[in-house]
Amino acid sequence: MPMPAFLRRHLIAAMLALAAGDARADDVGPEVARQLLSEGRIRPLAEILDAVKAAVPGEMVEVELELDDGTYVYEVKQLRPDGRVQEVKADAATGKILKIEDDD
């Protein structure tokens, strides 16, 4: 079954954001992310984005995978319909939403 176009766009944008992100010590690059996914240590990005969108309606504008105190965390920026941008942190292993805050 072909992947819906909107999901394909989100996944491409997410991979570009992961690849183009700044090189902070706690950022996880795309090759490591693929390895973690293949080992079952993190959930697929599509699942994380579904959980984020359920918590914060809107469109994903940026995503990063980081190692935060020994836990892999996705940081997703969502553009809400009202124009605000919110940052959503989700546990990459479980998909659980950890934190939602306004992005400054």
PDB file of N, CA and C in Angstrom:
ATOM      1  N   MET A   1       0.841  -1.170   0.000  1.00  0.00           N
ATOM      2  CA  MET A   1       0.000   0.000   0.000  1.00  0.00           C
ATOM      3  C   MET A   1       0.892   1.241   0.000  1.00  0.00           C
ATOM      4  N   PRO A   2       0.670   2.175  -0.937  1.00  0.00           N
ATOM      5  CA  PRO A   2       1.514   3.363  -1.000  1.00  0.00           C
ATOM      6  C   PRO A   2       1.298   4.262   0.220  1.00  0.00           C
ATOM      7  N   MET A   3       2.350   4.977   0.592  1.00  0.00           N
ATOM      8  CA  MET A   3       2.294   5.896   1.721  1.00  0.00           C
ATOM      9  C   MET A   3       1.561   7.163   1.286  1.00  0.00           C
ATOM     10  N   PRO A   4       0.630   7.683   2.115  1.00  0.00           N
ATOM     11  CA  PRO A   4      -0.060   8.925   1.763  1.00  0.00           C
ATOM     12  C   PRO A   4       0.941  10.070   1.562  1.00  0.00           C
ATOM     13  N   ALA A   5       0.618  10.968   0.644  1.00  0.00           N
ATOM     14  CA  ALA A   5       1.534  12.056   0.291  1.00  0.00           C
ATOM     15  C   ALA A   5       1.874  12.930   1.492  1.00  0.00           C
ATOM     16  N   PHE A   6       0.882  13.249   2.339  1.00  0.00           N
ATOM     17  CA  PHE A   6       1.164  14.123   3.479  1.00  0.00           C
ATOM     18  C   PHE A   6       2.144  13.459   4.441  1.00  0.00           C
ATOM     19  N   LEU A   7       2.025  12.145   4.638  1.00  0.00           N
ATOM     20  CA  LEU A   7       2.938  11.440   5.534  1.00  0.00           C
ATOM     21  C   LEU A   7       4.336  11.392   4.924  1.00  0.00           C
ATOM     22  N   ARG A   8       4.397  11.159   3.626  1.00  0.00           N
ATOM     23  CA  ARG A   8       5.685  11.133   2.940  1.00  0.00           C
ATOM     24  C   ARG A   8       6.383  12.491   3.083  1.00  0.00           C
ATOM     25  N   ARG A   9       5.627  13.600   2.910  1.00  0.00           N
ATOM     26  CA  ARG A   9       6.214  14.937   3.063  1.00  0.00           C
ATOM     27  C   ARG A   9       6.739  15.138   4.479  1.00  0.00           C
ATOM     28  N   HIS A  10       5.948  14.707   5.477  1.00  0.00           N
ATOM     29  CA  HIS A  10       6.381  14.865   6.871  1.00  0.00           C
ATOM     30  C   HIS A  10       7.643  14.057   7.150  1.00  0.00           C
ATOM     31  N   LEU A  11       7.689  12.841   6.656  1.00  0.00           N
ATOM     32  CA  LEU A  11       8.864  12.007   6.900  1.00  0.00           C
ATOM     33  C   LEU A  11      10.101  12.569   6.212  1.00  0.00           C
ATOM     34  N   ILE A  12       9.930  13.075   5.001  1.00  0.00           N
ATOM     35  CA  ILE A  12      11.059  13.685   4.300  1.00  0.00           C
ATOM     36  C   ILE A  12      11.531  14.922   5.045  1.00  0.00           C
ATOM     37  N   ALA A  13      10.585  15.758   5.464  1.00  0.00           N
ATOM     38  CA  ALA A  13      10.953  16.962   6.217  1.00  0.00           C
ATOM     39  C   ALA A  13      11.655  16.600   7.517  1.00  0.00           C
ATOM     40  N   ALA A  14      11.176  15.567   8.176  1.00  0.00           N
ATOM     41  CA  ALA A  14      11.785  15.143   9.443  1.00  0.00           C
ATOM     42  C   ALA A  14      13.204  14.645   9.225  1.00  0.00           C
ATOM     43  N   MET A  15      13.413  13.840   8.200  1.00  0.00           N
ATOM     44  CA  MET A  15      14.757  13.331   7.931  1.00  0.00           C
ATOM     45  C   MET A  15      15.703  14.469   7.552  1.00  0.00           C
ATOM     46  N   LEU A  16      15.199  15.454   6.784  1.00  0.00           N
ATOM     47  CA  LEU A  16      16.036  16.603   6.449  1.00  0.00           C
ATOM     48  C   LEU A  16      16.387  17.397   7.696  1.00  0.00           C
ATOM     49  N   ALA A  17      15.417  17.555   8.591  1.00  0.00           N
ATOM     50  CA  ALA A  17      15.689  18.275   9.837  1.00  0.00           C
ATOM     51  C   ALA A  17      16.711  17.525  10.671  1.00  0.00           C
ATOM     52  N   LEU A  18      16.595  16.211  10.730  1.00  0.00           N
ATOM     53  CA  LEU A  18      17.574  15.420  11.478  1.00  0.00           C
ATOM     54  C   LEU A  18      18.959  15.550  10.855  1.00  0.00           C
ATOM     55  N   ALA A  19      19.011  15.515   9.534  1.00  0.00           N
ATOM     56  CA  ALA A  19      20.300  15.566   8.843  1.00  0.00           C
ATOM     57  C   ALA A  19      20.917  16.956   8.901  1.00  0.00           C
ATOM     58  N   ALA A  20      20.082  18.000   8.909  1.00  0.00           N
ATOM     59  CA  ALA A  20      20.591  19.364   8.842  1.00  0.00           C
ATOM     60  C   ALA A  20      20.703  20.027  10.204  1.00  0.00           C
ATOM     61  N   GLY A  21      20.280  19.360  11.254  1.00  0.00           N
ATOM     62  CA  GLY A  21      20.314  19.954  12.588  1.00  0.00           C
ATOM     63  C   GLY A  21      21.729  20.315  12.996  1.00  0.00           C
ATOM     64  N   ASP A  22      21.812  21.288  13.953  1.00  0.00           N
ATOM     65  CA  ASP A  22      23.152  21.656  14.390  1.00  0.00           C
ATOM     66  C   ASP A  22      23.770  20.490  15.148  1.00  0.00           C
ATOM     67  N   ALA A  23      25.071  20.519  15.300  1.00  0.00           N
ATOM     68  CA  ALA A  23      25.793  19.357  15.819  1.00  0.00           C
ATOM     69  C   ALA A  23      26.046  19.477  17.317  1.00  0.00           C
ATOM     70  N   ARG A  24      25.004  19.677  18.104  1.00  0.00           N
ATOM     71  CA  ARG A  24      25.175  19.701  19.551  1.00  0.00           C
ATOM     72  C   ARG A  24      25.525  18.299  20.013  1.00  0.00           C
ATOM     73  N   ALA A  25      26.154  18.236  21.169  1.00  0.00           N
ATOM     74  CA  ALA A  25      26.645  16.952  21.679  1.00  0.00           C
ATOM     75  C   ALA A  25      25.531  15.948  21.909  1.00  0.00           C
ATOM     76  N   ASP A  26      24.311  16.420  22.223  1.00  0.00           N
ATOM     77  CA  ASP A  26      23.245  15.484  22.537  1.00  0.00           C
ATOM     78  C   ASP A  26      22.340  15.167  21.352  1.00  0.00           C
ATOM     79  N   ASP A  27      22.571  15.786  20.191  1.00  0.00           N
ATOM     80  CA  ASP A  27      21.766  15.471  19.010  1.00  0.00           C
ATOM     81  C   ASP A  27      22.157  14.102  18.459  1.00  0.00           C
ATOM     82  N   VAL A  28      21.180  13.392  17.950  1.00  0.00           N
ATOM     83  CA  VAL A  28      21.400  12.072  17.361  1.00  0.00           C
ATOM     84  C   VAL A  28      21.234  12.206  15.851  1.00  0.00           C
ATOM     85  N   GLY A  29      22.230  11.791  15.097  1.00  0.00           N
ATOM     86  CA  GLY A  29      22.183  11.894  13.644  1.00  0.00           C
ATOM     87  C   GLY A  29      21.322  10.816  13.014  1.00  0.00           C
ATOM     88  N   PRO A  30      21.049  10.961  11.712  1.00  0.00           N
ATOM     89  CA  PRO A  30      20.155  10.031  11.025  1.00  0.00           C
ATOM     90  C   PRO A  30      20.661   8.592  10.981  1.00  0.00           C
ATOM     91  N   GLU A  31      21.973   8.388  10.869  1.00  0.00           N
ATOM     92  CA  GLU A  31      22.487   7.010  10.826  1.00  0.00           C
ATOM     93  C   GLU A  31      22.277   6.306  12.160  1.00  0.00           C
ATOM     94  N   VAL A  32      22.537   7.019  13.254  1.00  0.00           N
ATOM     95  CA  VAL A  32      22.317   6.441  14.582  1.00  0.00           C
ATOM     96  C   VAL A  32      20.827   6.200  14.798  1.00  0.00           C
ATOM     97  N   ALA A  33      19.992   7.140  14.348  1.00  0.00           N
ATOM     98  CA  ALA A  33      18.541   6.983  14.490  1.00  0.00           C
ATOM     99  C   ALA A  33      18.059   5.726  13.765  1.00  0.00           C
ATOM    100  N   ARG A  34      18.566   5.498  12.559  1.00  0.00           N
ATOM    101  CA  ARG A  34      18.173   4.291  11.814  1.00  0.00           C
ATOM    102  C   ARG A  34      18.606   3.030  12.556  1.00  0.00           C
ATOM    103  N   GLN A  35      19.801   3.054  13.139  1.00  0.00           N
ATOM    104  CA  GLN A  35      20.293   1.901  13.901  1.00  0.00           C
ATOM    105  C   GLN A  35      19.415   1.654  15.131  1.00  0.00           C
ATOM    106  N   LEU A  36      19.096   2.721  15.863  1.00  0.00           N
ATOM    107  CA  LEU A  36      18.241   2.587  17.049  1.00  0.00           C
ATOM    108  C   LEU A  36      16.876   2.024  16.667  1.00  0.00           C
ATOM    109  N   LEU A  37      16.340   2.482  15.541  1.00  0.00           N
ATOM    110  CA  LEU A  37      15.046   1.989  15.069  1.00  0.00           C
ATOM    111  C   LEU A  37      15.136   0.511  14.715  1.00  0.00           C
ATOM    112  N   SER A  38      16.194   0.118  14.011  1.00  0.00           N
ATOM    113  CA  SER A  38      16.326  -1.290  13.611  1.00  0.00           C
ATOM    114  C   SER A  38      16.526  -2.203  14.816  1.00  0.00           C
ATOM    115  N   GLU A  39      17.102  -1.672  15.893  1.00  0.00           N
ATOM    116  CA  GLU A  39      17.286  -2.445  17.124  1.00  0.00           C
ATOM    117  C   GLU A  39      16.037  -2.437  18.010  1.00  0.00           C
ATOM    118  N   GLY A  40      15.023  -1.666  17.611  1.00  0.00           N
ATOM    119  CA  GLY A  40      13.798  -1.584  18.406  1.00  0.00           C
ATOM    120  C   GLY A  40      13.925  -0.708  19.640  1.00  0.00           C
ATOM    121  N   ARG A  41      14.948   0.135  19.675  1.00  0.00           N
ATOM    122  CA  ARG A  41      15.162   0.986  20.849  1.00  0.00           C
ATOM    123  C   ARG A  41      14.374   2.284  20.787  1.00  0.00           C
ATOM    124  N   ILE A  42      13.927   2.676  19.580  1.00  0.00           N
ATOM    125  CA  ILE A  42      13.051   3.836  19.430  1.00  0.00           C
ATOM    126  C   ILE A  42      11.883   3.448  18.536  1.00  0.00           C
ATOM    127  N   ARG A  43      10.784   4.187  18.649  1.00  0.00           N
ATOM    128  CA  ARG A  43       9.587   3.955  17.837  1.00  0.00           C
ATOM    129  C   ARG A  43       9.767   4.645  16.483  1.00  0.00           C
ATOM    130  N   PRO A  44       9.062   4.165  15.464  1.00  0.00           N
ATOM    131  CA  PRO A  44       9.120   4.832  14.159  1.00  0.00           C
ATOM    132  C   PRO A  44       8.626   6.277  14.260  1.00  0.00           C
ATOM    133  N   LEU A  45       9.242   7.148  13.505  1.00  0.00           N
ATOM    134  CA  LEU A  45       8.895   8.559  13.536  1.00  0.00           C
ATOM    135  C   LEU A  45       7.417   8.789  13.231  1.00  0.00           C
ATOM    136  N   ALA A  46       6.847   8.025  12.311  1.00  0.00           N
ATOM    137  CA  ALA A  46       5.429   8.196  11.968  1.00  0.00           C
ATOM    138  C   ALA A  46       4.541   8.009  13.199  1.00  0.00           C
ATOM    139  N   GLU A  47       4.875   7.050  14.065  1.00  0.00           N
ATOM    140  CA  GLU A  47       4.094   6.839  15.293  1.00  0.00           C
ATOM    141  C   GLU A  47       4.229   8.027  16.233  1.00  0.00           C
ATOM    142  N   ILE A  48       5.432   8.552  16.347  1.00  0.00           N
ATOM    143  CA  ILE A  48       5.665   9.707  17.216  1.00  0.00           C
ATOM    144  C   ILE A  48       4.875  10.901  16.701  1.00  0.00           C
ATOM    145  N   LEU A  49       4.916  11.131  15.392  1.00  0.00           N
ATOM    146  CA  LEU A  49       4.193  12.267  14.820  1.00  0.00           C
ATOM    147  C   LEU A  49       2.693  12.130  15.006  1.00  0.00           C
ATOM    148  N   ASP A  50       2.160  10.912  14.934  1.00  0.00           N
ATOM    149  CA  ASP A  50       0.732  10.697  15.204  1.00  0.00           C
ATOM    150  C   ASP A  50       0.396  11.082  16.640  1.00  0.00           C
ATOM    151  N   ALA A  51       1.238  10.680  17.595  1.00  0.00           N
ATOM    152  CA  ALA A  51       0.999  11.002  19.005  1.00  0.00           C
ATOM    153  C   ALA A  51       1.096  12.505  19.241  1.00  0.00           C
ATOM    154  N   VAL A  52       2.069  13.137  18.600  1.00  0.00           N
ATOM    155  CA  VAL A  52       2.232  14.584  18.750  1.00  0.00           C
ATOM    156  C   VAL A  52       1.024  15.314  18.184  1.00  0.00           C
ATOM    157  N   LYS A  53       0.592  14.907  17.002  1.00  0.00           N
ATOM    158  CA  LYS A  53      -0.549  15.587  16.371  1.00  0.00           C
ATOM    159  C   LYS A  53      -1.828  15.396  17.183  1.00  0.00           C
ATOM    160  N   ALA A  54      -1.975  14.253  17.842  1.00  0.00           N
ATOM    161  CA  ALA A  54      -3.138  14.036  18.708  1.00  0.00           C
ATOM    162  C   ALA A  54      -3.087  14.966  19.920  1.00  0.00           C
ATOM    163  N   ALA A  55      -1.888  15.258  20.405  1.00  0.00           N
ATOM    164  CA  ALA A  55      -1.733  16.123  21.578  1.00  0.00           C
ATOM    165  C   ALA A  55      -1.779  17.605  21.218  1.00  0.00           C
ATOM    166  N   VAL A  56      -1.202  17.951  20.065  1.00  0.00           N
ATOM    167  CA  VAL A  56      -1.127  19.344  19.624  1.00  0.00           C
ATOM    168  C   VAL A  56      -1.498  19.388  18.145  1.00  0.00           C
ATOM    169  N   PRO A  57      -2.748  19.735  17.837  1.00  0.00           N
ATOM    170  CA  PRO A  57      -3.155  19.809  16.433  1.00  0.00           C
ATOM    171  C   PRO A  57      -2.294  20.824  15.677  1.00  0.00           C
ATOM    172  N   GLY A  58      -2.008  20.516  14.429  1.00  0.00           N
ATOM    173  CA  GLY A  58      -1.225  21.422  13.605  1.00  0.00           C
ATOM    174  C   GLY A  58      -0.305  20.660  12.682  1.00  0.00           C
ATOM    175  N   GLU A  59       0.675  21.375  12.165  1.00  0.00           N
ATOM    176  CA  GLU A  59       1.622  20.799  11.218  1.00  0.00           C
ATOM    177  C   GLU A  59       3.022  20.783  11.817  1.00  0.00           C
ATOM    178  N   MET A  60       3.722  19.683  11.621  1.00  0.00           N
ATOM    179  CA  MET A  60       5.087  19.558  12.094  1.00  0.00           C
ATOM    180  C   MET A  60       5.982  20.455  11.238  1.00  0.00           C
ATOM    181  N   VAL A  61       6.813  21.271  11.909  1.00  0.00           N
ATOM    182  CA  VAL A  61       7.728  22.136  11.173  1.00  0.00           C
ATOM    183  C   VAL A  61       9.192  21.788  11.428  1.00  0.00           C
ATOM    184  N   GLU A  62       9.464  21.041  12.500  1.00  0.00           N
ATOM    185  CA  GLU A  62      10.844  20.638  12.786  1.00  0.00           C
ATOM    186  C   GLU A  62      10.817  19.457  13.743  1.00  0.00           C
ATOM    187  N   VAL A  63      11.782  18.566  13.584  1.00  0.00           N
ATOM    188  CA  VAL A  63      11.904  17.445  14.519  1.00  0.00           C
ATOM    189  C   VAL A  63      13.379  17.130  14.724  1.00  0.00           C
ATOM    190  N   GLU A  64      13.721  16.818  15.964  1.00  0.00           N
ATOM    191  CA  GLU A  64      15.079  16.406  16.303  1.00  0.00           C
ATOM    192  C   GLU A  64      14.988  15.205  17.223  1.00  0.00           C
ATOM    193  N   LEU A  65      15.969  14.347  17.128  1.00  0.00           N
ATOM    194  CA  LEU A  65      16.106  13.232  18.066  1.00  0.00           C
ATOM    195  C   LEU A  65      17.327  13.528  18.911  1.00  0.00           C
ATOM    196  N   GLU A  66      17.137  13.508  20.234  1.00  0.00           N
ATOM    197  CA  GLU A  66      18.229  13.831  21.146  1.00  0.00           C
ATOM    198  C   GLU A  66      18.349  12.776  22.229  1.00  0.00           C
ATOM    199  N   LEU A  67      19.537  12.685  22.779  1.00  0.00           N
ATOM    200  CA  LEU A  67      19.779  11.851  23.948  1.00  0.00           C
ATOM    201  C   LEU A  67      19.790  12.794  25.138  1.00  0.00           C
ATOM    202  N   ASP A  68      18.791  12.665  26.009  1.00  0.00           N
ATOM    203  CA  ASP A  68      18.598  13.571  27.140  1.00  0.00           C
ATOM    204  C   ASP A  68      18.641  12.770  28.433  1.00  0.00           C
ATOM    205  N   ASP A  69      19.733  12.892  29.165  1.00  0.00           N
ATOM    206  CA  ASP A  69      19.905  12.159  30.431  1.00  0.00           C
ATOM    207  C   ASP A  69      19.670  10.662  30.267  1.00  0.00           C
ATOM    208  N   GLY A  70      20.217  10.087  29.203  1.00  0.00           N
ATOM    209  CA  GLY A  70      20.120   8.651  28.986  1.00  0.00           C
ATOM    210  C   GLY A  70      18.842   8.189  28.308  1.00  0.00           C
ATOM    211  N   THR A  71      17.945   9.122  27.985  1.00  0.00           N
ATOM    212  CA  THR A  71      16.678   8.794  27.330  1.00  0.00           C
ATOM    213  C   THR A  71      16.648   9.443  25.951  1.00  0.00           C
ATOM    214  N   TYR A  72      16.280   8.656  24.937  1.00  0.00           N
ATOM    215  CA  TYR A  72      16.119   9.225  23.602  1.00  0.00           C
ATOM    216  C   TYR A  72      14.777   9.944  23.552  1.00  0.00           C
ATOM    217  N   VAL A  73      14.826  11.208  23.118  1.00  0.00           N
ATOM    218  CA  VAL A  73      13.647  12.069  23.111  1.00  0.00           C
ATOM    219  C   VAL A  73      13.529  12.722  21.738  1.00  0.00           C
ATOM    220  N   TYR A  74      12.314  12.665  21.174  1.00  0.00           N
ATOM    221  CA  TYR A  74      12.019  13.443  19.976  1.00  0.00           C
ATOM    222  C   TYR A  74      11.525  14.806  20.433  1.00  0.00           C
ATOM    223  N   GLU A  75      12.076  15.869  19.856  1.00  0.00           N
ATOM    224  CA  GLU A  75      11.571  17.219  20.059  1.00  0.00           C
ATOM    225  C   GLU A  75      10.924  17.635  18.746  1.00  0.00           C
ATOM    226  N   VAL A  76       9.621  17.861  18.801  1.00  0.00           N
ATOM    227  CA  VAL A  76       8.858  18.181  17.600  1.00  0.00           C
ATOM    228  C   VAL A  76       8.261  19.567  17.766  1.00  0.00           C
ATOM    229  N   LYS A  77       8.470  20.425  16.771  1.00  0.00           N
ATOM    230  CA  LYS A  77       7.828  21.738  16.777  1.00  0.00           C
ATOM    231  C   LYS A  77       6.599  21.652  15.896  1.00  0.00           C
ATOM    232  N   GLN A  78       5.459  22.042  16.477  1.00  0.00           N
ATOM    233  CA  GLN A  78       4.177  22.001  15.785  1.00  0.00           C
ATOM    234  C   GLN A  78       3.679  23.421  15.562  1.00  0.00           C
ATOM    235  N   LEU A  79       3.292  23.739  14.337  1.00  0.00           N
ATOM    236  CA  LEU A  79       2.642  25.005  14.018  1.00  0.00           C
ATOM    237  C   LEU A  79       1.150  24.793  14.180  1.00  0.00           C
ATOM    238  N   ARG A  80       0.583  25.426  15.202  1.00  0.00           N
ATOM    239  CA  ARG A  80      -0.843  25.267  15.497  1.00  0.00           C
ATOM    240  C   ARG A  80      -1.683  26.080  14.513  1.00  0.00           C
ATOM    241  N   PRO A  81      -2.964  25.731  14.371  1.00  0.00           N
ATOM    242  CA  PRO A  81      -3.841  26.487  13.478  1.00  0.00           C
ATOM    243  C   PRO A  81      -3.938  27.969  13.847  1.00  0.00           C
ATOM    244  N   ASP A  82      -3.718  28.305  15.134  1.00  0.00           N
ATOM    245  CA  ASP A  82      -3.784  29.707  15.563  1.00  0.00           C
ATOM    246  C   ASP A  82      -2.474  30.458  15.320  1.00  0.00           C
ATOM    247  N   GLY A  83      -1.485  29.798  14.705  1.00  0.00           N
ATOM    248  CA  GLY A  83      -0.228  30.443  14.364  1.00  0.00           C
ATOM    249  C   GLY A  83       0.872  30.299  15.400  1.00  0.00           C
ATOM    250  N   ARG A  84       0.550  29.788  16.568  1.00  0.00           N
ATOM    251  CA  ARG A  84       1.576  29.578  17.595  1.00  0.00           C
ATOM    252  C   ARG A  84       2.390  28.335  17.263  1.00  0.00           C
ATOM    253  N   VAL A  85       3.645  28.351  17.691  1.00  0.00           N
ATOM    254  CA  VAL A  85       4.499  27.175  17.553  1.00  0.00           C
ATOM    255  C   VAL A  85       4.710  26.600  18.944  1.00  0.00           C
ATOM    256  N   GLN A  86       4.469  25.313  19.069  1.00  0.00           N
ATOM    257  CA  GLN A  86       4.694  24.640  20.339  1.00  0.00           C
ATOM    258  C   GLN A  86       5.710  23.533  20.143  1.00  0.00           C
ATOM    259  N   GLU A  87       6.546  23.347  21.177  1.00  0.00           N
ATOM    260  CA  GLU A  87       7.519  22.268  21.172  1.00  0.00           C
ATOM    261  C   GLU A  87       6.959  21.124  22.004  1.00  0.00           C
ATOM    262  N   VAL A  88       6.954  19.957  21.403  1.00  0.00           N
ATOM    263  CA  VAL A  88       6.449  18.763  22.079  1.00  0.00           C
ATOM    264  C   VAL A  88       7.614  17.793  22.222  1.00  0.00           C
ATOM    265  N   LYS A  89       7.834  17.326  23.450  1.00  0.00           N
ATOM    266  CA  LYS A  89       8.874  16.328  23.696  1.00  0.00           C
ATOM    267  C   LYS A  89       8.191  14.992  23.923  1.00  0.00           C
ATOM    268  N   ALA A  90       8.672  13.974  23.204  1.00  0.00           N
ATOM    269  CA  ALA A  90       8.098  12.632  23.305  1.00  0.00           C
ATOM    270  C   ALA A  90       9.214  11.625  23.536  1.00  0.00           C
ATOM    271  N   ASP A  91       8.963  10.677  24.426  1.00  0.00           N
ATOM    272  CA  ASP A  91       9.906   9.592  24.674  1.00  0.00           C
ATOM    273  C   ASP A  91      10.001   8.767  23.393  1.00  0.00           C
ATOM    274  N   ALA A  92      11.195   8.664  22.836  1.00  0.00           N
ATOM    275  CA  ALA A  92      11.372   7.976  21.554  1.00  0.00           C
ATOM    276  C   ALA A  92      11.157   6.473  21.661  1.00  0.00           C
ATOM    277  N   ALA A  93      11.328   5.904  22.851  1.00  0.00           N
ATOM    278  CA  ALA A  93      11.161   4.456  23.031  1.00  0.00           C
ATOM    279  C   ALA A  93       9.705   4.062  23.198  1.00  0.00           C
ATOM    280  N   THR A  94       8.897   4.948  23.801  1.00  0.00           N
ATOM    281  CA  THR A  94       7.507   4.593  24.112  1.00  0.00           C
ATOM    282  C   THR A  94       6.478   5.401  23.334  1.00  0.00           C
ATOM    283  N   GLY A  95       6.867   6.574  22.853  1.00  0.00           N
ATOM    284  CA  GLY A  95       5.930   7.471  22.191  1.00  0.00           C
ATOM    285  C   GLY A  95       5.159   8.348  23.160  1.00  0.00           C
ATOM    286  N   LYS A  96       5.396   8.188  24.454  1.00  0.00           N
ATOM    287  CA  LYS A  96       4.681   8.973  25.467  1.00  0.00           C
ATOM    288  C   LYS A  96       5.085  10.443  25.369  1.00  0.00           C
ATOM    289  N   ILE A  97       4.067  11.323  25.405  1.00  0.00           N
ATOM    290  CA  ILE A  97       4.323  12.756  25.401  1.00  0.00           C
ATOM    291  C   ILE A  97       4.847  13.141  26.780  1.00  0.00           C
ATOM    292  N   LEU A  98       6.016  13.766  26.808  1.00  0.00           N
ATOM    293  CA  LEU A  98       6.655  14.125  28.070  1.00  0.00           C
ATOM    294  C   LEU A  98       6.398  15.571  28.468  1.00  0.00           C
ATOM    295  N   LYS A  99       6.328  16.456  27.459  1.00  0.00           N
ATOM    296  CA  LYS A  99       6.223  17.878  27.764  1.00  0.00           C
ATOM    297  C   LYS A  99       5.708  18.621  26.542  1.00  0.00           C
ATOM    298  N   ILE A 100       4.882  19.637  26.795  1.00  0.00           N
ATOM    299  CA  ILE A 100       4.405  20.528  25.738  1.00  0.00           C
ATOM    300  C   ILE A 100       4.635  21.947  26.238  1.00  0.00           C
ATOM    301  N   GLU A 101       5.311  22.759  25.418  1.00  0.00           N
ATOM    302  CA  GLU A 101       5.548  24.142  25.822  1.00  0.00           C
ATOM    303  C   GLU A 101       5.580  25.034  24.595  1.00  0.00           C
ATOM    304  N   ASP A 102       5.301  26.333  24.817  1.00  0.00           N
ATOM    305  CA  ASP A 102       5.395  27.292  23.729  1.00  0.00           C
ATOM    306  C   ASP A 102       6.847  27.432  23.318  1.00  0.00           C
ATOM    307  N   ASP A 103       7.083  27.527  22.017  1.00  0.00           N
ATOM    308  CA  ASP A 103       8.431  27.714  21.491  1.00  0.00           C
ATOM    309  C   ASP A 103       8.682  29.207  21.383  1.00  0.00           C
ATOM    310  N   ASP A 104       9.776  29.658  21.964  1.00  0.00           N
ATOM    311  CA  ASP A 104      10.086  31.096  21.929  1.00  0.00           C
ATOM    312  C   ASP A 104      10.852  31.473  20.705  1.00  0.00           C
TER     313      ASP A 104
END
